[in-house]
């Protein structure tokens, strides 16, 4: 199944949030965006805030991989406190 870049971004963002055991409000706060904006993004309706969400996740040690064949999300060995 081929998915669009927005679907891929949403899936990777949700996976990263789950790895951190963060709620939507926690991620919205860390990304500096409104909770409603994050909810719209996770439903696939809004794209301009992707960079803010991914930057907040990467600050915690989350790594997004894309080698052209596979996409991945992982977390480093240290977890930053909420």
Protein backbone atom coordinates (compact mmCIF):
# COMPACT_ATOMS: atom_id res chain seq x y z
CA UNK A 1 0.00 0.00 0.00
CA UNK A 2 1.37 3.41 -0.94
CA UNK A 3 0.52 6.25 1.40
CA UNK A 4 0.86 9.95 0.85
CA UNK A 5 3.46 12.04 2.63
CA UNK A 6 0.86 13.51 4.99
CA UNK A 7 -0.37 10.05 6.01
CA UNK A 8 3.25 9.00 6.55
CA UNK A 9 3.97 12.07 8.67
CA UNK A 10 0.88 11.51 10.78
CA UNK A 11 1.74 7.85 11.37
CA UNK A 12 5.33 8.65 12.29
CA UNK A 13 4.25 11.45 14.61
CA UNK A 14 1.76 9.24 16.42
CA UNK A 15 4.34 6.46 16.72
CA UNK A 16 6.89 8.85 18.20
CA UNK A 17 4.32 10.23 20.63
CA UNK A 18 3.48 6.68 21.72
CA UNK A 19 7.17 5.84 22.22
CA UNK A 20 7.41 8.78 24.61
CA UNK A 21 4.10 7.90 26.26
CA UNK A 22 3.00 11.51 25.65
CA UNK A 23 -0.58 12.66 25.46
CA UNK A 24 -1.76 15.00 22.74
CA UNK A 25 -1.76 17.94 25.20
CA UNK A 26 1.86 17.19 26.18
CA UNK A 27 3.03 17.13 22.56
CA UNK A 28 1.05 20.25 21.65
CA UNK A 29 2.66 22.08 24.58
CA UNK A 30 6.16 20.89 23.65
CA UNK A 31 5.62 21.90 20.02
CA UNK A 32 4.18 25.29 20.97
CA UNK A 33 0.93 24.72 19.11
CA UNK A 34 -2.73 24.59 20.10
CA UNK A 35 -4.17 21.20 21.05
CA UNK A 36 -6.86 21.61 18.39
CA UNK A 37 -4.13 22.13 15.77
CA UNK A 38 -2.39 18.89 16.78
CA UNK A 39 -5.68 17.01 16.69
CA UNK A 40 -6.36 18.29 13.16
CA UNK A 41 -2.86 17.26 12.09
CA UNK A 42 -3.31 13.75 13.51
CA UNK A 43 -6.55 13.47 11.53
CA UNK A 44 -4.63 14.43 8.38
CA UNK A 45 -6.20 17.87 7.92
CA UNK A 46 -3.33 20.28 8.50
CA UNK A 47 0.29 20.21 7.37
CA UNK A 48 2.11 23.51 8.15
CA UNK A 49 2.78 22.50 11.76
CA UNK A 50 4.58 19.22 10.92
CA UNK A 51 8.00 20.82 11.43
CA UNK A 52 7.10 22.09 14.92
CA UNK A 53 5.73 18.69 15.97
CA UNK A 54 8.71 16.74 14.65
CA UNK A 55 11.21 19.22 16.15
CA UNK A 56 9.61 18.83 19.59
CA UNK A 57 9.77 15.04 19.29
CA UNK A 58 13.40 15.09 18.08
CA UNK A 59 14.43 17.15 21.13
CA UNK A 60 13.54 14.13 23.27
CA UNK A 61 15.80 11.75 21.35
CA UNK A 62 13.25 10.50 18.82
CA UNK A 63 14.85 9.72 15.47
CA UNK A 64 13.01 9.52 12.16
CA UNK A 65 14.62 7.30 9.54
CA UNK A 66 14.01 7.26 5.80
CA UNK A 67 16.50 5.36 3.67
CA UNK A 68 14.38 5.59 0.53
CA UNK A 69 13.01 2.08 1.03
CA UNK A 70 11.86 2.03 4.64
CA UNK A 71 10.54 4.55 7.11
CA UNK A 72 11.18 4.24 10.81
CA UNK A 73 10.82 5.87 14.18
CA UNK A 74 13.04 5.08 17.14
CA UNK A 75 14.06 6.53 20.45
CA UNK A 76 17.60 6.87 21.74
CA UNK A 77 18.86 5.19 24.89
CA UNK A 78 18.05 8.18 27.09
CA UNK A 79 14.57 9.51 27.64
CA UNK A 80 14.20 13.19 28.51
CA UNK A 81 11.71 13.93 31.30
CA UNK A 82 8.38 15.45 30.29
